[in-house]
C-alpha atoms as a PDB file:
ATOM      1  CA  UNK A   1      84.595  40.740-145.153  1.00  0.00           C
ATOM      2  CA  UNK A   2      81.743  39.107-143.280  1.00  0.00           C
ATOM      3  CA  UNK A   3      83.206  35.924-141.774  1.00  0.00           C
ATOM      4  CA  UNK A   4      81.195  32.759-141.187  1.00  0.00           C
ATOM      5  CA  UNK A   5      82.239  31.117-137.922  1.00  0.00           C
ATOM      6  CA  UNK A   6      81.929  27.360-138.450  1.00  0.00           C
ATOM      7  CA  UNK A   7      81.097  25.057-135.565  1.00  0.00           C
ATOM      8  CA  UNK A   8      84.549  23.526-136.023  1.00  0.00           C
ATOM      9  CA  UNK A   9      86.464  26.741-135.398  1.00  0.00           C
ATOM     10  CA  UNK A  10      84.259  27.587-132.423  1.00  0.00           C
ATOM     11  CA  UNK A  11      85.097  24.225-130.866  1.00  0.00           C
ATOM     12  CA  UNK A  12      88.791  24.490-131.745  1.00  0.00           C
ATOM     13  CA  UNK A  13      89.319  27.954-130.242  1.00  0.00           C
ATOM     14  CA  UNK A  14      87.502  26.884-127.086  1.00  0.00           C
ATOM     15  CA  UNK A  15      89.579  23.699-126.736  1.00  0.00           C
ATOM     16  CA  UNK A  16      92.799  25.565-127.545  1.00  0.00           C
ATOM     17  CA  UNK A  17      91.976  28.500-125.288  1.00  0.00           C
ATOM     18  CA  UNK A  18      92.225  31.060-128.102  1.00  0.00           C
ATOM     19  CA  UNK A  19      90.376  34.325-127.554  1.00  0.00           C
ATOM     20  CA  UNK A  20      87.798  35.327-130.166  1.00  0.00           C
ATOM     21  CA  UNK A  21      89.384  38.796-130.168  1.00  0.00           C
ATOM     22  CA  UNK A  22      92.768  37.286-131.100  1.00  0.00           C
ATOM     23  CA  UNK A  23      91.163  35.583-134.113  1.00  0.00           C
ATOM     24  CA  UNK A  24      89.407  38.803-135.113  1.00  0.00           C
ATOM     25  CA  UNK A  25      92.620  40.836-134.719  1.00  0.00           C
ATOM     26  CA  UNK A  26      94.482  38.332-136.886  1.00  0.00           C
ATOM     27  CA  UNK A  27      91.846  38.551-139.605  1.00  0.00           C
ATOM     28  CA  UNK A  28      91.580  42.353-139.487  1.00  0.00           C
ATOM     29  CA  UNK A  29      95.276  43.195-139.149  1.00  0.00           C
ATOM     30  CA  UNK A  30      97.414  40.156-140.044  1.00  0.00           C
ATOM     31  CA  UNK A  31     101.196  40.210-140.063  1.00  0.00           C
ATOM     32  CA  UNK A  32     101.032  38.036-143.165  1.00  0.00           C
ATOM     33  CA  UNK A  33      98.524  36.291-145.412  1.00  0.00           C
ATOM     34  CA  UNK A  34      99.609  33.111-147.209  1.00  0.00           C
ATOM     35  CA  UNK A  35      98.011  30.546-149.482  1.00  0.00           C
ATOM     36  CA  UNK A  36      97.386  27.153-147.939  1.00  0.00           C
ATOM     37  CA  UNK A  37      96.351  23.807-149.339  1.00  0.00           C
ATOM     38  CA  UNK A  38      93.009  23.222-151.040  1.00  0.00           C
ATOM     39  CA  UNK A  39      92.544  26.881-151.996  1.00  0.00           C
ATOM     40  CA  UNK A  40      92.578  27.973-148.382  1.00  0.00           C
ATOM     41  CA  UNK A  41      93.984  31.250-147.125  1.00  0.00           C
ATOM     42  CA  UNK A  42      95.866  31.513-143.844  1.00  0.00           C
ATOM     43  CA  UNK A  43      96.013  34.726-141.842  1.00  0.00           C
ATOM     44  CA  UNK A  44      98.979  34.912-139.487  1.00  0.00           C
ATOM     45  CA  UNK A  45      99.821  37.176-136.574  1.00  0.00           C
ATOM     46  CA  UNK A  46     102.500  37.011-133.893  1.00  0.00           C
ATOM     47  CA  UNK A  47     100.912  37.352-130.451  1.00  0.00           C
ATOM     48  CA  UNK A  48     102.936  36.991-127.230  1.00  0.00           C
ATOM     49  CA  UNK A  49     105.873  35.313-129.019  1.00  0.00           C
ATOM     50  CA  UNK A  50     103.622  32.739-130.695  1.00  0.00           C
ATOM     51  CA  UNK A  51     102.173  32.664-134.180  1.00  0.00           C
ATOM     52  CA  UNK A  52      98.390  32.517-134.454  1.00  0.00           C
ATOM     53  CA  UNK A  53      97.303  30.938-137.735  1.00  0.00           C
ATOM     54  CA  UNK A  54      93.674  31.299-138.834  1.00  0.00           C
ATOM     55  CA  UNK A  55      92.725  29.056-141.745  1.00  0.00           C
ATOM     56  CA  UNK A  56      89.917  30.271-143.997  1.00  0.00           C
ATOM     57  CA  UNK A  57      88.109  29.020-147.060  1.00  0.00           C
ATOM     58  CA  UNK A  58      86.426  31.876-148.903  1.00  0.00           C
ATOM     59  CA  UNK A  59      84.447  33.591-146.103  1.00  0.00           C
ATOM     60  CA  UNK A  60      84.388  30.547-143.770  1.00  0.00           C
ATOM     61  CA  UNK A  61      86.674  30.275-140.765  1.00  0.00           C
ATOM     62  CA  UNK A  62      87.960  26.700-140.707  1.00  0.00           C
ATOM     63  CA  UNK A  63      90.347  26.506-137.752  1.00  0.00           C
ATOM     64  CA  UNK A  64      92.855  28.465-135.687  1.00  0.00           C
ATOM     65  CA  UNK A  65      95.900  27.465-133.706  1.00  0.00           C
ATOM     66  CA  UNK A  66      99.032  28.836-132.066  1.00  0.00           C
ATOM     67  CA  UNK A  67     102.488  27.566-132.953  1.00  0.00           C
ATOM     68  CA  UNK A  68     105.984  28.252-131.654  1.00  0.00           C
ATOM     69  CA  UNK A  69     107.410  27.567-135.128  1.00  0.00           C
ATOM     70  CA  UNK A  70     107.308  31.179-136.294  1.00  0.00           C
ATOM     71  CA  UNK A  71     110.281  30.878-138.672  1.00  0.00           C
ATOM     72  CA  UNK A  72     108.692  27.866-140.376  1.00  0.00           C
ATOM     73  CA  UNK A  73     105.550  29.778-141.364  1.00  0.00           C
ATOM     74  CA  UNK A  74     106.527  33.448-141.653  1.00  0.00           C
ATOM     75  CA  UNK A  75     108.445  34.286-144.792  1.00  0.00           C
ATOM     76  CA  UNK A  76     110.791  37.242-145.026  1.00  0.00           C
ATOM     77  CA  UNK A  77     108.536  39.325-147.229  1.00  0.00           C
ATOM     78  CA  UNK A  78     105.319  40.035-145.368  1.00  0.00           C
ATOM     79  CA  UNK A  79     102.194  40.536-147.440  1.00  0.00           C
END
């Protein structure tokens, strides 16, 4: 899929010190894909003992962030 990088995600990954490659890797080879609120899709990947979550809406990248709460977001049956 051709992703549209919104200004918001560009700002967020810069402020949060998230590498563009990490976002791309998460989108291309996620550990799990889950449905979020407001018809959004969230791509998730564990990187260096943290979970990177990339929130998308159709082909737009909305935001991305790391969390330590892996068990909260990763369900037992990966998609």
